[in-house]
Amino acid sequence: MRRGFVLLPLLLLASCIPGGRARDERPPAGATAPRAEDVRQCLADLGREGVRFKALPDRVFENGCSAIGAVQLLDIGTPTTNLKSMTCPLARQFARWTREALQTNARVWLKTRVVKIESFGTYSCRPINGQAGNRLSEHGRANAVDIAAFVLEDGRRITVLGGWNGPDEDVRRFLRAVHQAGCRRFGIVLGPDANALHRDHLHFDMGRGPYCR
């Protein structure tokens, strides 16, 4: 009977993050666990910068996937869809990119502000580009976020797919400006010029870089 009571909480915890079954709290082979003091500093930075967030328990899943030192962003000043588990350093940089670069460039190039960011999500247990045989994607470590579109205060919706090479020069400049701003804040940044798989979003991650394309 006691065994059933032990298994039930584990199953409920595993359901918090999609894409695998939680096993324990040790980092998978090949992954480097963040130092506890670094995580504490990152959480303090988020709080000091006015970001509302929820710290999440460490999770390790099948196929080498994990969410270690992760948070869920609740309020970064601009509503953003599909934000689930993110490593704290990724969350910190994403909040800064939104506050310091996104809104600034929206005012410069589009003469308005962004009222919603549409993302394709963060954690996803899969290999790079979803292709079998590739090494684990940073999404599989909750260490990446994909941004697809922006809803503006004046009612327009700017998509990476339609705007990157679209007819509006200001939209093109805006998207390239926020892409380049990402290159100064994240380890790896990929956009439509990287390959066809990124034609519809900007990929930001905190993996080994710098690499900007």
Protein backbone atom coordinates (compact mmCIF):
# COMPACT_ATOMS: atom_id res chain seq x y z
CA MET A 1 0.00 0.00 0.00
CA ARG A 2 2.82 2.36 0.89
CA ARG A 3 4.43 1.69 -2.48
CA GLY A 4 1.37 3.07 -4.24
CA PHE A 5 1.56 6.26 -2.22
CA VAL A 6 5.20 6.69 -3.26
CA LEU A 7 4.56 6.13 -6.96
CA LEU A 8 1.60 8.50 -7.23
CA PRO A 9 3.51 11.73 -6.36
CA LEU A 10 6.30 10.75 -8.78
CA LEU A 11 3.81 10.29 -11.59
CA LEU A 12 2.18 13.62 -10.84
CA LEU A 13 5.55 15.39 -10.84
CA ALA A 14 6.52 13.77 -14.14
CA SER A 15 3.40 15.23 -15.74
CA CYS A 16 4.56 18.81 -15.01
CA ILE A 17 6.97 18.85 -17.94
CA PRO A 18 6.08 17.10 -21.22
CA GLY A 19 8.31 14.84 -23.23
CA GLY A 20 9.46 12.11 -20.85
CA ARG A 21 9.24 10.37 -17.54
CA ALA A 22 11.05 11.87 -14.57
CA ARG A 23 13.60 9.47 -13.07
CA ASP A 24 15.73 11.34 -10.54
CA GLU A 25 17.40 14.69 -10.01
CA ARG A 26 20.87 13.86 -11.33
CA PRO A 27 22.00 15.46 -14.60
CA PRO A 28 22.11 13.11 -17.59
CA ALA A 29 25.41 11.92 -19.02
CA GLY A 30 27.08 14.69 -21.00
CA ALA A 31 25.17 17.46 -19.22
CA THR A 32 26.75 19.84 -16.74
CA ALA A 33 24.69 20.60 -13.68
CA PRO A 34 24.63 24.33 -12.86
CA ARG A 35 26.33 25.27 -9.63
CA ALA A 36 23.91 25.96 -6.81
CA GLU A 37 25.43 29.40 -6.20
CA ASP A 38 24.98 30.30 -9.88
CA VAL A 39 21.33 29.32 -9.74
CA ARG A 40 20.81 31.35 -6.56
CA GLN A 41 22.45 34.38 -8.19
CA CYS A 42 20.30 34.00 -11.29
CA LEU A 43 17.10 33.77 -9.25
CA ALA A 44 18.17 36.87 -7.31
CA ASP A 45 18.83 38.69 -10.60
CA LEU A 46 15.34 37.86 -11.87
CA GLY A 47 13.76 39.16 -8.68
CA ARG A 48 15.85 42.33 -8.65
CA GLU A 49 14.94 43.03 -12.28
CA GLY A 50 11.21 42.82 -11.53
CA VAL A 51 10.57 39.48 -13.23
CA ARG A 52 7.83 37.29 -11.77
CA PHE A 53 8.70 33.61 -11.97
CA LYS A 54 8.26 30.23 -10.34
CA ALA A 55 11.31 28.13 -9.49
CA LEU A 56 10.81 24.54 -10.63
CA PRO A 57 12.16 21.30 -9.11
CA ASP A 58 15.03 19.67 -10.97
CA ARG A 59 13.89 16.93 -13.35
CA VAL A 60 15.71 14.32 -15.41
CA PHE A 61 13.87 12.44 -18.14
CA GLU A 62 14.45 9.59 -20.54
CA ASN A 63 16.77 9.94 -23.56
CA GLY A 64 19.14 12.28 -21.70
CA CYS A 65 16.64 15.13 -21.38
CA SER A 66 16.48 17.33 -18.30
CA ALA A 67 15.28 20.55 -16.74
CA ILE A 68 17.90 21.47 -14.14
CA GLY A 69 17.93 24.83 -12.37
CA ALA A 70 14.79 25.78 -14.29
CA VAL A 71 12.05 28.34 -13.80
CA GLN A 72 8.75 29.23 -15.39
CA LEU A 73 8.42 32.89 -16.30
CA LEU A 74 5.11 34.36 -15.16
CA ASP A 75 5.52 38.06 -16.01
CA ILE A 76 8.40 39.70 -17.88
CA GLY A 77 6.48 42.84 -18.76
CA THR A 78 5.30 41.54 -22.14
CA PRO A 79 2.89 38.56 -22.27
CA THR A 80 4.52 35.60 -23.97
CA THR A 81 2.83 32.37 -25.06
CA ASN A 82 4.03 28.80 -24.45
CA LEU A 83 6.75 29.52 -21.91
CA LYS A 84 7.24 26.42 -19.78
CA SER A 85 10.47 25.17 -18.21
CA MET A 86 13.54 27.32 -18.97
CA THR A 87 16.95 27.19 -17.35
CA CYS A 88 17.34 30.26 -15.20
CA PRO A 89 20.15 31.78 -17.32
CA LEU A 90 18.00 31.43 -20.44
CA ALA A 91 15.03 32.98 -18.65
CA ARG A 92 17.17 35.87 -17.40
CA GLN A 93 18.54 36.63 -20.86
CA PHE A 94 15.14 36.29 -22.50
CA ALA A 95 13.61 38.76 -20.04
CA ARG A 96 16.46 41.19 -20.68
CA TRP A 97 16.16 40.78 -24.46
CA THR A 98 12.45 41.51 -24.25
CA ARG A 99 12.88 44.56 -22.05
CA GLU A 100 16.06 46.05 -23.50
CA ALA A 101 15.97 45.10 -27.19
CA LEU A 102 12.55 44.02 -28.35
CA GLN A 103 10.56 46.98 -27.13
CA THR A 104 13.29 49.45 -28.05
CA ASN A 105 13.46 48.20 -31.63
CA ALA A 106 9.68 48.10 -31.91
CA ARG A 107 9.59 51.81 -31.09
CA VAL A 108 12.45 52.60 -33.49
CA TRP A 109 11.31 50.61 -36.53
CA LEU A 110 7.57 50.08 -36.06
CA LYS A 111 6.63 53.23 -34.06
CA THR A 112 4.66 51.17 -31.58
CA ARG A 113 5.22 48.57 -28.85
CA VAL A 114 4.89 44.80 -28.69
CA VAL A 115 1.92 43.69 -26.58
CA LYS A 116 2.39 39.93 -27.03
CA ILE A 117 5.20 37.59 -28.02
CA GLU A 118 4.23 34.28 -29.61
CA SER A 119 6.67 31.46 -28.98
CA PHE A 120 6.84 27.89 -30.21
CA GLY A 121 7.89 26.87 -26.70
CA THR A 122 10.93 25.95 -24.65
CA TYR A 123 11.39 22.39 -23.33
CA SER A 124 11.07 19.60 -25.87
CA CYS A 125 12.84 16.25 -25.53
CA ARG A 126 14.26 15.73 -29.03
CA PRO A 127 17.47 15.74 -31.06
CA ILE A 128 18.66 18.83 -32.95
CA ASN A 129 16.21 19.72 -35.74
CA GLY A 130 14.12 16.72 -34.67
CA GLN A 131 16.33 14.42 -36.77
CA ALA A 132 17.18 10.99 -35.37
CA GLY A 133 20.89 10.49 -34.84
CA ASN A 134 21.62 14.14 -34.08
CA ARG A 135 22.84 15.08 -30.64
CA LEU A 136 20.37 16.33 -28.06
CA SER A 137 18.84 19.72 -28.78
CA GLU A 138 19.19 22.45 -26.17
CA HIS A 139 15.39 22.27 -26.06
CA GLY A 140 15.91 18.86 -24.44
CA ARG A 141 17.69 20.64 -21.58
CA ALA A 142 15.07 23.43 -21.24
CA ASN A 143 17.84 25.68 -22.49
CA ALA A 144 16.26 27.11 -25.67
CA VAL A 145 13.26 29.17 -26.75
CA ASP A 146 11.78 29.68 -30.23
CA ILE A 147 10.07 32.98 -31.10
CA ALA A 148 7.61 33.02 -33.99
CA ALA A 149 5.61 36.26 -33.97
CA PHE A 150 4.86 39.59 -32.31
CA VAL A 151 1.49 41.27 -31.80
CA LEU A 152 1.74 45.06 -31.82
CA GLU A 153 -0.23 47.68 -29.92
CA ASP A 154 -1.53 49.11 -33.20
CA GLY A 155 -3.12 45.75 -34.07
CA ARG A 156 -0.55 44.38 -36.48
CA ARG A 157 0.88 40.88 -36.13
CA ILE A 158 4.46 40.45 -37.32
CA THR A 159 5.59 36.90 -38.07
CA VAL A 160 9.14 35.75 -38.69
CA LEU A 161 7.89 33.64 -41.59
CA GLY A 162 6.07 36.47 -43.35
CA GLY A 163 8.19 39.41 -42.33
CA TRP A 164 11.83 38.35 -42.60
CA ASN A 165 11.87 38.69 -46.39
CA GLY A 166 8.50 40.41 -46.67
CA PRO A 167 7.64 43.63 -48.53
CA ASP A 168 7.78 45.98 -45.51
CA GLU A 169 11.34 47.29 -45.08
CA ASP A 170 10.72 48.48 -41.52
CA VAL A 171 9.47 45.03 -40.51
CA ARG A 172 12.53 43.43 -42.09
CA ARG A 173 14.81 45.82 -40.20
CA PHE A 174 12.95 45.22 -36.94
CA LEU A 175 13.27 41.44 -37.20
CA ARG A 176 16.95 41.64 -38.06
CA ALA A 177 17.57 44.08 -35.22
CA VAL A 178 16.00 41.82 -32.59
CA HIS A 179 17.83 38.84 -34.10
CA GLN A 180 21.17 40.67 -33.78
CA ALA A 181 20.27 41.78 -30.26
CA GLY A 182 19.74 38.12 -29.44
CA CYS A 183 23.25 37.36 -30.70
CA ARG A 184 24.62 39.68 -28.02
CA ARG A 185 22.69 37.96 -25.24
CA PHE A 186 22.43 34.24 -26.04
CA GLY A 187 25.03 31.61 -26.84
CA ILE A 188 23.44 30.43 -30.10
CA VAL A 189 20.95 32.31 -32.28
CA LEU A 190 19.41 30.90 -35.45
CA GLY A 191 16.97 32.60 -37.81
CA PRO A 192 15.66 32.22 -41.36
CA ASP A 193 19.12 32.72 -42.83
CA ALA A 194 20.45 29.70 -40.91
CA ASN A 195 18.43 27.03 -42.72
CA ALA A 196 14.93 26.19 -43.91
CA LEU A 197 14.02 24.65 -40.55
CA HIS A 198 14.27 28.11 -38.96
CA ARG A 199 12.40 30.01 -41.65
CA ASP A 200 9.49 30.69 -39.28
CA HIS A 201 11.16 31.46 -35.96
CA LEU A 202 14.13 32.85 -34.07
CA HIS A 203 15.90 30.22 -31.99
CA PHE A 204 17.71 31.43 -28.85
CA ASP A 205 19.69 29.10 -26.61
CA MET A 206 22.40 29.19 -23.97
CA GLY A 207 24.50 26.38 -25.45
CA ARG A 208 28.14 26.60 -26.33
CA GLY A 209 28.70 29.56 -28.60
CA PRO A 210 28.89 32.15 -29.73
CA TYR A 211 27.16 31.30 -32.96
CA CYS A 212 24.86 33.72 -34.74
CA ARG A 213 23.20 33.02 -38.07
